[in-house]
Amino acid sequence: MSRCLVLFIEGDTEIEFYKRLVSIIRENHSAGQLDTKIIYRNVKGIGGYKKEVTRIFKKDILVKYKNHTFVVALCRDTDVFEFAQKPKIRWSEVEKQLKEDGAKRVIHVQAVKAIEDWFLYDLEGVCKYLNIPLTQPTGRNGYDKLSNLFKRANKTYIKGRMTKGFVESLDVGKIVNCIWEELSPICKILGVKRIPE
């Protein structure tokens, strides 16, 4: 049976990032190619993990991709739950349901605080994209910092929405090496131990 990696992701910007990640993994794979089919699904925000993931997996992916073994990656930011008394989503229940529905394995990829913190590891690329001088960002968190940099360029950054050309302008290889521990579940499944800088 062929292997399939299903990435459930929070928004359009995140999908672009993970597509670039997979492209870099392909380029650096020792066999020269991946033996895994990759499927990306946008759940449009954190609430989608509760409502959409198991439905999409069962009614869309399992139907379209028969004769595959499935690894499901739940890719999310951690900042949503930072101050919550009770997490709104019980990840163990989502994982259990996915396995009952047919996933062989479920992995969790967490952007500690938010994916915007990841983007800022290539501050030079962000500033170059915005056509502003290299500037230390200000703000309470990665989202605020990135938003403030966009404001300096008279642009608006909206979380989860596609920002044309933004992810392509970043040195994703550099970012990956800065957040290796967070991304390693995906990289290991796809057979890459490290991305050369």
C-alpha atoms as a PDB file:
ATOM      1  CA  MET A   1       0.000   0.000   0.000  1.00  0.00           C
ATOM      2  CA  SER A   2       1.157   3.522  -0.764  1.00  0.00           C
ATOM      3  CA  ARG A   3       1.658   5.950   2.085  1.00  0.00           C
ATOM      4  CA  CYS A   4      -0.209   9.230   2.320  1.00  0.00           C
ATOM      5  CA  LEU A   5       0.559  12.160   4.625  1.00  0.00           C
ATOM      6  CA  VAL A   6      -2.466  14.373   5.266  1.00  0.00           C
ATOM      7  CA  LEU A   7      -1.662  17.833   6.618  1.00  0.00           C
ATOM      8  CA  PHE A   8      -4.531  19.627   8.302  1.00  0.00           C
ATOM      9  CA  ILE A   9      -3.577  23.302   8.471  1.00  0.00           C
ATOM     10  CA  GLU A  10      -5.216  26.434   9.919  1.00  0.00           C
ATOM     11  CA  GLY A  11      -5.092  28.890   6.999  1.00  0.00           C
ATOM     12  CA  ASP A  12      -3.939  29.846   3.485  1.00  0.00           C
ATOM     13  CA  THR A  13      -0.609  31.380   4.569  1.00  0.00           C
ATOM     14  CA  GLU A  14       0.157  28.234   6.552  1.00  0.00           C
ATOM     15  CA  ILE A  15      -0.639  26.011   3.550  1.00  0.00           C
ATOM     16  CA  GLU A  16       1.844  27.990   1.449  1.00  0.00           C
ATOM     17  CA  PHE A  17       4.471  27.548   4.159  1.00  0.00           C
ATOM     18  CA  TYR A  18       3.967  23.777   4.412  1.00  0.00           C
ATOM     19  CA  LYS A  19       4.030  23.423   0.610  1.00  0.00           C
ATOM     20  CA  ARG A  20       7.416  25.204   0.585  1.00  0.00           C
ATOM     21  CA  LEU A  21       8.574  22.934   3.422  1.00  0.00           C
ATOM     22  CA  VAL A  22       7.624  19.812   1.457  1.00  0.00           C
ATOM     23  CA  SER A  23       9.302  21.228  -1.661  1.00  0.00           C
ATOM     24  CA  ILE A  24      12.551  21.714   0.318  1.00  0.00           C
ATOM     25  CA  ILE A  25      12.262  18.201   1.757  1.00  0.00           C
ATOM     26  CA  ARG A  26      11.869  16.821  -1.779  1.00  0.00           C
ATOM     27  CA  GLU A  27      14.997  18.689  -2.893  1.00  0.00           C
ATOM     28  CA  ASN A  28      17.005  17.304   0.043  1.00  0.00           C
ATOM     29  CA  HIS A  29      15.679  13.750   0.128  1.00  0.00           C
ATOM     30  CA  SER A  30      18.440  11.155  -0.085  1.00  0.00           C
ATOM     31  CA  ALA A  31      16.439   9.034  -2.540  1.00  0.00           C
ATOM     32  CA  GLY A  32      15.827  12.089  -4.715  1.00  0.00           C
ATOM     33  CA  GLN A  33      12.074  11.723  -4.348  1.00  0.00           C
ATOM     34  CA  LEU A  34       9.375  11.109  -1.771  1.00  0.00           C
ATOM     35  CA  ASP A  35       7.539   7.813  -1.618  1.00  0.00           C
ATOM     36  CA  THR A  36       4.638   9.526   0.143  1.00  0.00           C
ATOM     37  CA  LYS A  37       1.630  11.308  -1.343  1.00  0.00           C
ATOM     38  CA  ILE A  38       1.030  14.664   0.375  1.00  0.00           C
ATOM     39  CA  ILE A  39      -2.466  16.110   0.832  1.00  0.00           C
ATOM     40  CA  TYR A  40      -3.102  19.585   2.275  1.00  0.00           C
ATOM     41  CA  ARG A  41      -6.432  20.581   3.794  1.00  0.00           C
ATOM     42  CA  ASN A  42      -7.254  24.026   5.168  1.00  0.00           C
ATOM     43  CA  VAL A  43      -9.541  23.851   8.219  1.00  0.00           C
ATOM     44  CA  LYS A  44      -9.857  27.664   8.296  1.00  0.00           C
ATOM     45  CA  GLY A  45      -8.932  28.375  11.895  1.00  0.00           C
ATOM     46  CA  ILE A  46      -8.495  26.436  15.101  1.00  0.00           C
ATOM     47  CA  GLY A  47     -12.200  25.595  15.391  1.00  0.00           C
ATOM     48  CA  GLY A  48     -11.918  23.513  12.223  1.00  0.00           C
ATOM     49  CA  TYR A  49      -9.945  20.890  14.106  1.00  0.00           C
ATOM     50  CA  LYS A  50     -12.976  20.219  16.255  1.00  0.00           C
ATOM     51  CA  LYS A  51     -15.624  20.339  13.530  1.00  0.00           C
ATOM     52  CA  GLU A  52     -13.989  19.588  10.191  1.00  0.00           C
ATOM     53  CA  VAL A  53     -10.963  17.309  10.484  1.00  0.00           C
ATOM     54  CA  THR A  54     -12.675  13.973  11.076  1.00  0.00           C
ATOM     55  CA  ARG A  55     -15.437  14.777   8.562  1.00  0.00           C
ATOM     56  CA  ILE A  56     -12.942  15.733   5.821  1.00  0.00           C
ATOM     57  CA  PHE A  57     -10.786  12.696   6.566  1.00  0.00           C
ATOM     58  CA  LYS A  58     -13.676  10.252   6.500  1.00  0.00           C
ATOM     59  CA  LYS A  59     -15.837  11.655   3.699  1.00  0.00           C
ATOM     60  CA  ASP A  60     -13.237  13.155   1.385  1.00  0.00           C
ATOM     61  CA  ILE A  61      -9.766  11.703   1.824  1.00  0.00           C
ATOM     62  CA  LEU A  62     -10.597   8.068   2.620  1.00  0.00           C
ATOM     63  CA  VAL A  63     -13.028   7.990  -0.307  1.00  0.00           C
ATOM     64  CA  LYS A  64     -10.617   9.538  -2.850  1.00  0.00           C
ATOM     65  CA  TYR A  65      -7.405   7.798  -1.788  1.00  0.00           C
ATOM     66  CA  LYS A  66      -8.200   4.165  -1.257  1.00  0.00           C
ATOM     67  CA  ASN A  67      -5.361   1.631  -0.881  1.00  0.00           C
ATOM     68  CA  HIS A  68      -3.204   4.044   1.110  1.00  0.00           C
ATOM     69  CA  THR A  69      -1.947   3.950   4.671  1.00  0.00           C
ATOM     70  CA  PHE A  70      -2.537   7.333   6.271  1.00  0.00           C
ATOM     71  CA  VAL A  71      -0.420   9.468   8.566  1.00  0.00           C
ATOM     72  CA  VAL A  72      -2.343  12.565   9.662  1.00  0.00           C
ATOM     73  CA  ALA A  73      -0.543  15.711  10.813  1.00  0.00           C
ATOM     74  CA  LEU A  74      -2.467  18.236  12.907  1.00  0.00           C
ATOM     75  CA  CYS A  75      -0.548  21.492  12.300  1.00  0.00           C
ATOM     76  CA  ARG A  76      -1.494  24.339  14.615  1.00  0.00           C
ATOM     77  CA  ASP A  77      -0.432  27.362  16.637  1.00  0.00           C
ATOM     78  CA  THR A  78      -0.214  27.021  20.417  1.00  0.00           C
ATOM     79  CA  ASP A  79      -1.072  30.623  21.324  1.00  0.00           C
ATOM     80  CA  VAL A  80      -4.842  30.086  21.069  1.00  0.00           C
ATOM     81  CA  PHE A  81      -4.799  27.876  24.141  1.00  0.00           C
ATOM     82  CA  GLU A  82      -2.194  29.754  26.158  1.00  0.00           C
ATOM     83  CA  PHE A  83      -4.593  31.448  28.560  1.00  0.00           C
ATOM     84  CA  ALA A  84      -7.594  29.118  28.284  1.00  0.00           C
ATOM     85  CA  GLN A  85      -8.673  27.442  31.513  1.00  0.00           C
ATOM     86  CA  LYS A  86      -9.805  24.380  29.594  1.00  0.00           C
ATOM     87  CA  PRO A  87      -8.559  23.743  26.070  1.00  0.00           C
ATOM     88  CA  LYS A  88     -11.508  23.952  23.699  1.00  0.00           C
ATOM     89  CA  ILE A  89     -10.232  21.021  21.698  1.00  0.00           C
ATOM     90  CA  ARG A  90      -9.298  17.691  23.228  1.00  0.00           C
ATOM     91  CA  TRP A  91      -6.513  16.645  20.892  1.00  0.00           C
ATOM     92  CA  SER A  92      -6.510  13.103  22.264  1.00  0.00           C
ATOM     93  CA  GLU A  93     -10.154  12.740  21.193  1.00  0.00           C
ATOM     94  CA  VAL A  94      -9.469  14.104  17.699  1.00  0.00           C
ATOM     95  CA  GLU A  95      -6.522  11.696  17.401  1.00  0.00           C
ATOM     96  CA  LYS A  96      -8.581   8.751  18.670  1.00  0.00           C
ATOM     97  CA  GLN A  97     -11.378   9.452  16.174  1.00  0.00           C
ATOM     98  CA  LEU A  98      -8.936   9.760  13.258  1.00  0.00           C
ATOM     99  CA  LYS A  99      -7.392   6.410  14.175  1.00  0.00           C
ATOM    100  CA  GLU A 100     -10.819   4.798  14.470  1.00  0.00           C
ATOM    101  CA  ASP A 101     -11.640   6.182  11.019  1.00  0.00           C
ATOM    102  CA  GLY A 102      -8.507   4.670   9.480  1.00  0.00           C
ATOM    103  CA  ALA A 103      -5.405   6.773  10.214  1.00  0.00           C
ATOM    104  CA  LYS A 104      -2.436   4.552  11.005  1.00  0.00           C
ATOM    105  CA  ARG A 105      -0.697   7.358  12.885  1.00  0.00           C
ATOM    106  CA  VAL A 106      -1.470  10.919  13.993  1.00  0.00           C
ATOM    107  CA  ILE A 107       1.296  13.458  14.609  1.00  0.00           C
ATOM    108  CA  HIS A 108       1.074  16.918  16.129  1.00  0.00           C
ATOM    109  CA  VAL A 109       3.054  19.830  14.692  1.00  0.00           C
ATOM    110  CA  GLN A 110       2.833  22.867  16.941  1.00  0.00           C
ATOM    111  CA  ALA A 111       4.066  26.338  16.102  1.00  0.00           C
ATOM    112  CA  VAL A 112       5.120  27.548  19.533  1.00  0.00           C
ATOM    113  CA  LYS A 113       3.230  30.543  19.927  1.00  0.00           C
ATOM    114  CA  ALA A 114       2.249  31.069  16.258  1.00  0.00           C
ATOM    115  CA  ILE A 115       3.444  30.544  12.702  1.00  0.00           C
ATOM    116  CA  GLU A 116       4.200  34.286  12.547  1.00  0.00           C
ATOM    117  CA  ASP A 117       6.975  33.653  15.094  1.00  0.00           C
ATOM    118  CA  TRP A 118       8.420  31.158  12.598  1.00  0.00           C
ATOM    119  CA  PHE A 119       8.327  33.705   9.749  1.00  0.00           C
ATOM    120  CA  LEU A 120      10.302  36.186  11.846  1.00  0.00           C
ATOM    121  CA  TYR A 121      13.295  33.817  11.914  1.00  0.00           C
ATOM    122  CA  ASP A 122      13.905  35.211   8.433  1.00  0.00           C
ATOM    123  CA  LEU A 123      13.479  38.854   9.390  1.00  0.00           C
ATOM    124  CA  GLU A 124      15.710  39.876   6.495  1.00  0.00           C
ATOM    125  CA  GLY A 125      13.387  38.104   4.033  1.00  0.00           C
ATOM    126  CA  VAL A 126      10.301  39.680   5.617  1.00  0.00           C
ATOM    127  CA  CYS A 127      11.765  43.198   5.379  1.00  0.00           C
ATOM    128  CA  LYS A 128      12.971  42.592   1.825  1.00  0.00           C
ATOM    129  CA  TYR A 129       9.491  41.412   0.804  1.00  0.00           C
ATOM    130  CA  LEU A 130       7.980  44.539   2.380  1.00  0.00           C
ATOM    131  CA  ASN A 131      10.664  46.736   0.797  1.00  0.00           C
ATOM    132  CA  ILE A 132      11.560  48.319   4.154  1.00  0.00           C
ATOM    133  CA  PRO A 133      14.955  48.607   5.881  1.00  0.00           C
ATOM    134  CA  LEU A 134      15.951  45.723   8.138  1.00  0.00           C
ATOM    135  CA  THR A 135      14.154  46.613  11.353  1.00  0.00           C
ATOM    136  CA  GLN A 136      13.680  44.910  14.701  1.00  0.00           C
ATOM    137  CA  PRO A 137       9.924  44.404  15.032  1.00  0.00           C
ATOM    138  CA  THR A 138       7.926  45.554  18.046  1.00  0.00           C
ATOM    139  CA  GLY A 139       4.854  43.951  19.525  1.00  0.00           C
ATOM    140  CA  ARG A 140       3.573  41.571  22.205  1.00  0.00           C
ATOM    141  CA  ASN A 141       3.855  38.454  20.052  1.00  0.00           C
ATOM    142  CA  GLY A 142       4.841  37.210  16.601  1.00  0.00           C
ATOM    143  CA  TYR A 143       1.520  38.207  15.056  1.00  0.00           C
ATOM    144  CA  ASP A 144       1.765  41.775  16.406  1.00  0.00           C
ATOM    145  CA  LYS A 145       5.387  42.065  15.313  1.00  0.00           C
ATOM    146  CA  LEU A 146       4.645  40.869  11.785  1.00  0.00           C
ATOM    147  CA  SER A 147       1.547  43.086  11.555  1.00  0.00           C
ATOM    148  CA  ASN A 148       3.587  46.110  12.654  1.00  0.00           C
ATOM    149  CA  LEU A 149       6.216  45.413   9.992  1.00  0.00           C
ATOM    150  CA  PHE A 150       3.473  45.185   7.344  1.00  0.00           C
ATOM    151  CA  LYS A 151       2.018  48.513   8.598  1.00  0.00           C
ATOM    152  CA  ARG A 152       5.416  50.174   8.078  1.00  0.00           C
ATOM    153  CA  ALA A 153       5.090  49.173   4.422  1.00  0.00           C
ATOM    154  CA  ASN A 154       1.461  50.405   4.279  1.00  0.00           C
ATOM    155  CA  LYS A 155       0.246  46.818   3.968  1.00  0.00           C
ATOM    156  CA  THR A 156      -2.044  44.680   6.072  1.00  0.00           C
ATOM    157  CA  TYR A 157      -1.227  41.233   7.370  1.00  0.00           C
ATOM    158  CA  ILE A 158      -4.310  39.124   8.099  1.00  0.00           C
ATOM    159  CA  LYS A 159      -3.733  35.866   9.923  1.00  0.00           C
ATOM    160  CA  GLY A 160      -4.506  32.821   7.808  1.00  0.00           C
ATOM    161  CA  ARG A 161      -5.110  34.788   4.612  1.00  0.00           C
ATOM    162  CA  MET A 162      -2.951  34.452   1.535  1.00  0.00           C
ATOM    163  CA  THR A 163      -0.429  37.256   1.149  1.00  0.00           C
ATOM    164  CA  LYS A 164       0.745  37.029  -2.443  1.00  0.00           C
ATOM    165  CA  GLY A 165       4.434  36.261  -2.771  1.00  0.00           C
ATOM    166  CA  PHE A 166       5.139  36.501   0.966  1.00  0.00           C
ATOM    167  CA  VAL A 167       6.041  32.884   1.782  1.00  0.00           C
ATOM    168  CA  GLU A 168       7.925  32.537  -1.521  1.00  0.00           C
ATOM    169  CA  SER A 169      10.122  35.470  -0.506  1.00  0.00           C
ATOM    170  CA  LEU A 170      11.212  33.796   2.746  1.00  0.00           C
ATOM    171  CA  ASP A 171      14.236  31.557   3.231  1.00  0.00           C
ATOM    172  CA  VAL A 172      12.167  28.599   4.405  1.00  0.00           C
ATOM    173  CA  GLY A 173      15.281  26.402   4.700  1.00  0.00           C
ATOM    174  CA  LYS A 174      16.716  28.848   7.251  1.00  0.00           C
ATOM    175  CA  ILE A 175      13.393  28.932   9.130  1.00  0.00           C
ATOM    176  CA  VAL A 176      13.160  25.124   9.155  1.00  0.00           C
ATOM    177  CA  ASN A 177      16.587  24.835  10.753  1.00  0.00           C
ATOM    178  CA  CYS A 178      15.594  27.348  13.462  1.00  0.00           C
ATOM    179  CA  ILE A 179      12.428  25.400  14.332  1.00  0.00           C
ATOM    180  CA  TRP A 180      13.678  21.902  13.603  1.00  0.00           C
ATOM    181  CA  GLU A 181      12.259  20.383  16.796  1.00  0.00           C
ATOM    182  CA  GLU A 182       8.790  21.686  16.006  1.00  0.00           C
ATOM    183  CA  LEU A 183       8.835  20.451  12.388  1.00  0.00           C
ATOM    184  CA  SER A 184      10.777  17.238  12.959  1.00  0.00           C
ATOM    185  CA  PRO A 185       7.662  15.005  13.141  1.00  0.00           C
ATOM    186  CA  ILE A 186       6.913  15.794   9.475  1.00  0.00           C
ATOM    187  CA  CYS A 187      10.547  15.739   8.363  1.00  0.00           C
ATOM    188  CA  LYS A 188      11.197  12.362  10.004  1.00  0.00           C
ATOM    189  CA  ILE A 189       8.118  10.792   8.432  1.00  0.00           C
ATOM    190  CA  LEU A 190       9.297  12.034   5.037  1.00  0.00           C
ATOM    191  CA  GLY A 191      12.817  10.698   5.649  1.00  0.00           C
ATOM    192  CA  VAL A 192      14.857  13.887   6.070  1.00  0.00           C
ATOM    193  CA  LYS A 193      17.102  14.305   9.092  1.00  0.00           C
ATOM    194  CA  ARG A 194      18.264  17.869   8.466  1.00  0.00           C
ATOM    195  CA  ILE A 195      17.982  20.587   5.828  1.00  0.00           C
ATOM    196  CA  PRO A 196      21.337  22.033   4.748  1.00  0.00           C
ATOM    197  CA  GLU A 197      21.488  25.838   5.084  1.00  0.00           C
END
